[in-house]
Structures are given as C-alpha cells and as structure tokens.
Amino acid sequence: MIIPPLLTTEDSISIIAPSRFAEREKITDFMLEVEERGYGLITPPELFNKQNQVGGTKEERLNQIKFALESDKIKAVFCARGGFGLVDLLPELMDLNFTKNPKWWIGFSDCTVLHQVLQKQGLASLHASMPMQFKAQRAPKIRKSFNSIFEAITSEKNQLLGADSELTGPVYGGNLSMLYALSAANLLYIPENSILFVEEIDEYLYHIDRMMRALYLAGHISNRLKAIAVGYMTKPQDHKIPFGKTANEIIQYYADLANVPIVFGIKSGHEHPNYAIKLGVDVTFASL
C-alpha cells in the first residue's frame, strides 16, 4: 500500500466538491483554518459550481478531481461534503491513476466510493470530517475531529479510537450504504485479513439488516476478516411496530454468523468527535 507523503507547512491543501455542492459561506471558516495552520490553499475554479444537488456537471466535478490530482503543490485534498454524487463518477474515477502523484484524499460518507477506488489502486486515504462541518465557534468535539485530521497527515499514527482491542491489521470500509451499493455493483474491495470499519446515519433498522445480510451473502463479511469495527450508527429509524433489534445487535448477529470478532464504540462517523482513520494501512485500537 502506498502511503502519501506527510505534510509540512511548505505544502498546499485543496478543497473539491465531487458530491453535494459546496457553499462558500459554509466552508470559509475551514479555509481560514488551513491558512492559520500555515498551509497554502489551492482550489479548482469549479469549486462552487452547482447542478441540482451536486457540485456541478459530471465533467465539472471530474475536473475538480483532476485539478487536485495533477497539481504537484497540493498534498492533501478535502472533499467539501458528502451527500450524493461520487457513484455517478465511478467509471471515470477508475480510469484515473491516483498513484502517479500520491496525496491524501480526505472525506467520509459518500466519499467512501472514492476511498474504495484509491484502495483498489493501492493508495491509502483518510476517512475524516469535511470542511462543511467546521464551525467558527470550534466547539471542543468539532475541534477534536479536525485536530485528528492534521495529526494524521503529519504523523504515522493510525488508531481506531473509542475501544480497546489487541487486534491489529489494515482497515477498510466506511459508510455502510456506500459499501452495500459497491457490493451490488461487484466493486467492493475488502481484502482478506483486514478490519472492516462501518458507520451509518439515518437508516431504517430493516435497511441496516438488509445491507448487512447482503454483505454477508456476498462473502464480504466472513471469517476471512480479522474483525469488524463499528463506528457511530447515528439516528437509526424504526416503525411503529419495532424491528426488534438495535443497529449494533443487527451487526453483531452477522458477525456471529461469520465467526468474526467485533469491536463497538469507535468514535468515527456522522457525529463529533469524528476521529480520522487512515484506510488501507495497519491500525490499532485505543480507548479514550
């Protein structure tokens, strides 16, 4: 696995909007934060483009990715926000060579699609918070999320924070819905002897069961995994007639079927603190 170079203050950072559109007023605080930390900031001309829900036409969003990829000055690329849009770019992303100019690609949720492309090419990336989440007030939990990003891209440290375990191994995964979609397209990449990390937001419990069942039946959840690590399962939805299991109980059920160890309580996903995780490389666990 190729690990991008760690950043110094001589390097530059970029922001792109390959998923939902970016709003200037909502990422200004983060742009100032980048400069306050001593990094250069280089953004593509299409950054604030908009087409319906997404950050411009398909071509414009691809141009943003190519702009960041081809720049020798840019060493870390933040996706402005998640939402929807990267699946639409998947065939074109697979044709790009991200290893020719290794850099940190940063985001989560919809960005799970991008992470999967990168890991298939043998490039580590960063599952972490995004500029739209950074607030001027810098509440302590938000500050922890973003401090962990800058620590990750300037040091070799890589931990799943929130729970203790002696397990170690390379970590892959991200948003459960995106992993499910990639599995349906036969494009999901979870190597043998790896740790599968999952998180989710605002899904019905029966949807979570359906997604976990599909991953199990497709062989992605099996004893070929070292473990499953579970992050935030945020705002799970239910009906008047209860499903009968919590999100964690559903995941535990499929882990038991596959005879895979499971670790709950990882502080990463759609809540703060959302601690950064280097995907594709070895990780250790640590309680807080």
Protein backbone atom coordinates (compact mmCIF):
# COMPACT_ATOMS: atom_id res chain seq x y z
CA MET A 1 0.00 0.00 0.00
CA ILE A 2 1.33 3.43 -0.97
CA ILE A 3 1.16 5.91 1.91
CA PRO A 4 1.12 9.53 0.70
CA PRO A 5 3.90 11.83 1.96
CA LEU A 6 3.26 13.53 5.29
CA LEU A 7 2.59 17.24 5.02
CA THR A 8 4.79 20.16 6.02
CA THR A 9 3.80 23.81 6.07
CA GLU A 10 5.50 24.19 2.70
CA ASP A 11 2.70 22.11 1.18
CA SER A 12 -0.73 23.14 -0.08
CA ILE A 13 -4.21 21.80 0.58
CA SER A 14 -7.18 21.77 -1.79
CA ILE A 15 -10.96 21.51 -1.40
CA ILE A 16 -13.16 19.88 -4.03
CA ALA A 17 -16.91 19.23 -4.32
CA PRO A 18 -17.35 15.89 -6.12
CA SER A 19 -20.57 15.09 -4.24
CA ARG A 20 -23.11 17.62 -2.96
CA PHE A 21 -22.36 21.24 -3.88
CA ALA A 22 -20.11 23.43 -1.75
CA GLU A 23 -21.35 26.72 -0.31
CA ARG A 24 -18.71 29.40 0.09
CA GLU A 25 -20.08 30.82 3.33
CA LYS A 26 -20.15 27.35 4.90
CA ILE A 27 -16.52 26.47 4.18
CA THR A 28 -14.93 29.88 4.77
CA ASP A 29 -14.11 29.02 8.38
CA PHE A 30 -12.25 25.93 7.26
CA MET A 31 -10.38 27.81 4.53
CA LEU A 32 -9.18 30.26 7.17
CA GLU A 33 -8.19 27.37 9.43
CA VAL A 34 -5.98 25.90 6.70
CA GLU A 35 -4.17 29.21 6.28
CA GLU A 36 -3.87 29.71 10.05
CA ARG A 37 -2.11 26.36 10.27
CA GLY A 38 0.45 27.60 7.75
CA TYR A 39 -0.58 25.65 4.65
CA GLY A 40 -1.21 27.04 1.19
CA LEU A 41 -4.75 26.76 -0.16
CA ILE A 42 -5.35 26.00 -3.85
CA THR A 43 -8.89 25.38 -5.06
CA PRO A 44 -10.24 24.42 -8.51
CA PRO A 45 -12.20 27.06 -10.46
CA GLU A 46 -15.32 24.84 -10.40
CA LEU A 47 -15.40 24.50 -6.60
CA PHE A 48 -18.64 26.44 -6.11
CA ASN A 49 -20.44 25.19 -9.21
CA LYS A 50 -23.86 23.67 -8.72
CA GLN A 51 -26.20 21.43 -10.66
CA ASN A 52 -29.27 20.47 -8.67
CA GLN A 53 -27.91 18.70 -5.56
CA VAL A 54 -24.35 18.15 -6.76
CA GLY A 55 -21.26 20.30 -7.27
CA GLY A 56 -21.62 20.93 -10.96
CA THR A 57 -21.97 18.77 -14.04
CA LYS A 58 -20.28 15.41 -14.17
CA GLU A 59 -17.46 16.92 -16.22
CA GLU A 60 -17.05 19.84 -13.81
CA ARG A 61 -16.81 17.54 -10.80
CA LEU A 62 -14.29 15.32 -12.57
CA ASN A 63 -12.29 18.42 -13.49
CA GLN A 64 -12.04 19.30 -9.79
CA ILE A 65 -10.62 15.88 -9.00
CA LYS A 66 -8.18 16.04 -11.92
CA PHE A 67 -7.12 19.56 -10.94
CA ALA A 68 -6.14 18.39 -7.47
CA LEU A 69 -4.61 15.14 -8.71
CA GLU A 70 -2.33 16.79 -11.24
CA SER A 71 -1.00 19.57 -9.01
CA ASP A 72 2.45 18.88 -7.56
CA LYS A 73 1.90 21.53 -4.89
CA ILE A 74 -1.30 20.03 -3.48
CA LYS A 75 -0.54 17.28 -0.96
CA ALA A 76 -3.96 16.85 0.69
CA VAL A 77 -7.42 17.09 -0.87
CA PHE A 78 -10.55 17.60 1.23
CA CYS A 79 -13.97 16.71 -0.15
CA ALA A 80 -16.13 19.66 0.88
CA ARG A 81 -19.05 17.47 1.96
CA GLY A 82 -20.75 14.13 1.37
CA GLY A 83 -24.32 13.60 0.26
CA PHE A 84 -24.51 12.07 -3.20
CA GLY A 85 -22.60 12.15 -6.46
CA LEU A 86 -19.45 10.04 -6.43
CA VAL A 87 -21.15 6.85 -7.62
CA ASP A 88 -22.04 8.79 -10.77
CA LEU A 89 -18.30 9.36 -11.36
CA LEU A 90 -17.20 5.82 -10.56
CA PRO A 91 -16.31 4.60 -14.09
CA GLU A 92 -14.23 7.73 -14.76
CA LEU A 93 -12.56 7.57 -11.34
CA MET A 94 -11.47 4.01 -12.04
CA ASP A 95 -9.73 5.22 -15.20
CA LEU A 96 -7.64 7.82 -13.31
CA ASN A 97 -4.22 6.88 -11.94
CA PHE A 98 -4.17 8.24 -8.38
CA THR A 99 -0.85 6.56 -7.58
CA LYS A 100 1.13 8.64 -10.08
CA ASN A 101 1.02 11.62 -7.70
CA PRO A 102 0.20 10.25 -4.21
CA LYS A 103 -1.55 12.64 -1.84
CA TRP A 104 -4.09 12.44 0.97
CA TRP A 105 -7.72 12.31 -0.17
CA ILE A 106 -9.93 13.18 2.78
CA GLY A 107 -13.64 12.73 3.50
CA PHE A 108 -16.26 10.20 4.56
CA SER A 109 -19.86 9.15 3.93
CA ASP A 110 -20.36 9.46 0.13
CA CYS A 111 -16.57 9.71 -0.15
CA THR A 112 -16.42 6.01 0.72
CA VAL A 113 -16.72 5.48 -3.04
CA LEU A 114 -13.54 7.49 -3.66
CA HIS A 115 -11.72 5.70 -0.86
CA GLN A 116 -12.57 2.35 -2.43
CA VAL A 117 -11.13 3.44 -5.79
CA LEU A 118 -7.96 4.61 -4.08
CA GLN A 119 -7.52 1.43 -2.05
CA LYS A 120 -8.05 -0.74 -5.14
CA GLN A 121 -5.18 1.16 -6.73
CA GLY A 122 -3.04 0.58 -3.64
CA LEU A 123 -3.20 4.09 -2.16
CA ALA A 124 -4.01 4.87 1.47
CA SER A 125 -6.51 7.65 2.19
CA LEU A 126 -8.17 9.39 5.13
CA HIS A 127 -11.69 8.75 6.43
CA ALA A 128 -12.38 12.01 8.27
CA SER A 129 -14.54 15.11 8.72
CA MET A 130 -15.09 17.58 5.91
CA PRO A 131 -14.91 21.40 5.56
CA MET A 132 -18.70 21.93 5.68
CA GLN A 133 -18.64 20.57 9.24
CA PHE A 134 -16.06 23.03 10.54
CA LYS A 135 -17.57 25.85 12.58
CA ALA A 136 -16.09 29.18 13.59
CA GLN A 137 -17.13 28.54 17.19
CA ARG A 138 -14.86 25.50 17.16
CA ALA A 139 -16.80 23.51 19.74
CA PRO A 140 -14.50 21.08 21.58
CA LYS A 141 -15.80 17.96 19.83
CA ILE A 142 -15.50 19.54 16.38
CA ARG A 143 -12.01 20.75 17.24
CA LYS A 144 -11.06 17.17 18.18
CA SER A 145 -12.30 15.92 14.82
CA PHE A 146 -10.20 18.37 12.83
CA ASN A 147 -7.15 18.19 15.08
CA SER A 148 -7.11 14.45 14.39
CA ILE A 149 -7.02 15.12 10.64
CA PHE A 150 -4.00 17.37 10.82
CA GLU A 151 -2.30 14.94 13.19
CA ALA A 152 -2.97 12.10 10.73
CA ILE A 153 -1.48 13.85 7.71
CA THR A 154 1.62 14.95 9.61
CA SER A 155 2.42 11.74 11.55
CA GLU A 156 2.49 7.98 11.06
CA LYS A 157 -0.03 7.35 13.85
CA ASN A 158 -3.19 5.40 12.96
CA GLN A 159 -5.74 4.36 15.58
CA LEU A 160 -9.38 3.44 15.87
CA LEU A 161 -10.33 5.47 18.92
CA GLY A 162 -13.06 4.59 21.38
CA ALA A 163 -12.44 0.98 22.33
CA ASP A 164 -9.59 -1.27 23.41
CA SER A 165 -8.62 -4.38 21.47
CA GLU A 166 -5.44 -6.34 20.85
CA LEU A 167 -6.46 -6.78 17.21
CA THR A 168 -4.37 -5.13 14.51
CA GLY A 169 -4.49 -5.10 10.74
CA PRO A 170 -5.22 -2.93 7.71
CA VAL A 171 -8.56 -1.14 7.92
CA TYR A 172 -11.02 -0.71 5.03
CA GLY A 173 -14.62 0.38 4.70
CA GLY A 174 -16.64 3.44 5.62
CA ASN A 175 -20.31 4.21 5.17
CA LEU A 176 -22.43 1.06 5.19
CA SER A 177 -24.85 2.27 2.48
CA MET A 178 -21.96 3.00 0.12
CA LEU A 179 -20.32 -0.36 0.84
CA TYR A 180 -23.65 -2.05 0.11
CA ALA A 181 -24.01 -0.17 -3.19
CA LEU A 182 -20.47 -1.08 -4.26
CA SER A 183 -21.08 -4.71 -3.36
CA ALA A 184 -24.20 -4.72 -5.54
CA ALA A 185 -22.05 -3.50 -8.44
CA ASN A 186 -19.41 -6.16 -7.66
CA LEU A 187 -16.91 -3.40 -6.95
CA LEU A 188 -16.43 -3.66 -3.19
CA TYR A 189 -12.82 -4.13 -2.07
CA ILE A 190 -12.30 -5.58 1.41
CA PRO A 191 -9.10 -7.69 1.36
CA GLU A 192 -8.56 -10.84 3.36
CA ASN A 193 -7.23 -10.42 6.92
CA SER A 194 -8.39 -6.81 7.12
CA ILE A 195 -10.53 -4.94 9.62
CA LEU A 196 -13.86 -3.81 8.20
CA PHE A 197 -14.98 -0.43 9.57
CA VAL A 198 -18.64 0.57 9.20
CA GLU A 199 -20.73 3.59 10.18
CA GLU A 200 -24.16 4.87 9.17
CA ILE A 201 -26.71 7.65 9.62
CA ASP A 202 -30.49 7.97 9.36
CA GLU A 203 -31.21 4.47 8.05
CA TYR A 204 -34.16 2.28 8.97
CA LEU A 205 -33.16 -0.71 11.04
CA TYR A 206 -34.54 -3.13 8.47
CA HIS A 207 -32.37 -1.38 5.84
CA ILE A 208 -29.34 -1.97 8.05
CA ASP A 209 -30.29 -5.64 8.32
CA ARG A 210 -30.73 -5.85 4.54
CA MET A 211 -27.32 -4.28 3.89
CA MET A 212 -25.53 -6.45 6.42
CA ARG A 213 -27.26 -9.56 5.07
CA ALA A 214 -26.19 -8.67 1.51
CA LEU A 215 -22.57 -8.17 2.58
CA TYR A 216 -22.69 -11.48 4.43
CA LEU A 217 -24.21 -13.39 1.50
CA ALA A 218 -21.71 -11.82 -0.91
CA GLY A 219 -18.84 -13.09 1.24
CA HIS A 220 -17.57 -9.69 2.36
CA ILE A 221 -18.49 -10.49 5.96
CA SER A 222 -16.84 -13.83 6.60
CA ASN A 223 -14.11 -15.39 8.69
CA ARG A 224 -11.59 -14.06 6.18
CA LEU A 225 -11.89 -10.76 8.09
CA LYS A 226 -9.80 -10.07 11.16
CA ALA A 227 -12.60 -8.05 12.72
CA ILE A 228 -15.49 -5.66 12.23
CA ALA A 229 -15.10 -2.25 13.87
CA VAL A 230 -18.34 -0.31 14.36
CA GLY A 231 -18.44 3.47 14.44
CA TYR A 232 -21.41 5.75 15.03
CA MET A 233 -24.76 4.32 13.95
CA THR A 234 -26.42 7.72 14.04
CA LYS A 235 -30.18 8.32 14.24
CA PRO A 236 -31.39 4.83 13.30
CA GLN A 237 -35.04 4.84 12.22
CA ASP A 238 -37.80 2.40 13.15
CA HIS A 239 -41.53 1.92 12.58
CA LYS A 240 -44.46 1.89 14.98
CA ILE A 241 -44.09 -1.88 15.01
CA PRO A 242 -40.47 -2.20 16.18
CA PHE A 243 -37.91 -4.11 14.13
CA GLY A 244 -36.79 -5.82 17.31
CA LYS A 245 -33.05 -5.24 17.23
CA THR A 246 -30.81 -2.23 17.61
CA ALA A 247 -28.31 -1.37 14.87
CA ASN A 248 -25.46 -2.83 16.93
CA GLU A 249 -27.44 -6.01 17.59
CA ILE A 250 -28.01 -6.43 13.86
CA ILE A 251 -24.31 -6.07 13.12
CA GLN A 252 -23.44 -8.43 15.98
CA TYR A 253 -25.79 -11.06 14.51
CA TYR A 254 -23.94 -11.16 11.18
CA ALA A 255 -20.54 -11.03 12.84
CA ASP A 256 -21.57 -14.08 14.88
CA LEU A 257 -22.80 -15.89 11.76
CA ALA A 258 -19.42 -15.31 10.13
CA ASN A 259 -17.47 -16.02 13.33
CA VAL A 260 -15.76 -12.62 13.13
CA PRO A 261 -14.63 -10.62 16.20
CA ILE A 262 -16.41 -7.29 16.58
CA VAL A 263 -15.42 -4.06 18.31
CA PHE A 264 -18.09 -1.44 19.10
CA GLY A 265 -17.68 2.15 20.21
CA ILE A 266 -15.34 3.56 17.58
CA LYS A 267 -15.66 7.36 17.61
CA SER A 268 -15.80 7.88 13.86
CA GLY A 269 -18.68 8.65 11.52
CA HIS A 270 -21.57 11.10 11.43
CA GLU A 271 -21.03 12.59 14.88
CA HIS A 272 -18.29 14.52 16.65
CA PRO A 273 -15.65 13.74 17.57
CA ASN A 274 -15.14 12.01 14.22
CA TYR A 275 -11.59 10.80 14.59
CA ALA A 276 -9.61 10.38 11.38
CA ILE A 277 -8.78 6.86 10.15
CA LYS A 278 -6.10 6.03 7.61
CA LEU A 279 -7.74 3.47 5.33
CA GLY A 280 -5.70 0.74 3.69
CA VAL A 281 -2.96 0.61 6.33
CA ASP A 282 -2.46 -1.10 9.69
CA VAL A 283 -4.44 0.29 12.58
CA THR A 284 -4.51 -0.26 16.31
CA PHE A 285 -7.35 0.27 18.79
CA ALA A 286 -7.28 2.63 21.76
CA SER A 287 -9.85 3.76 24.32
CA LEU A 288 -10.23 7.43 25.14
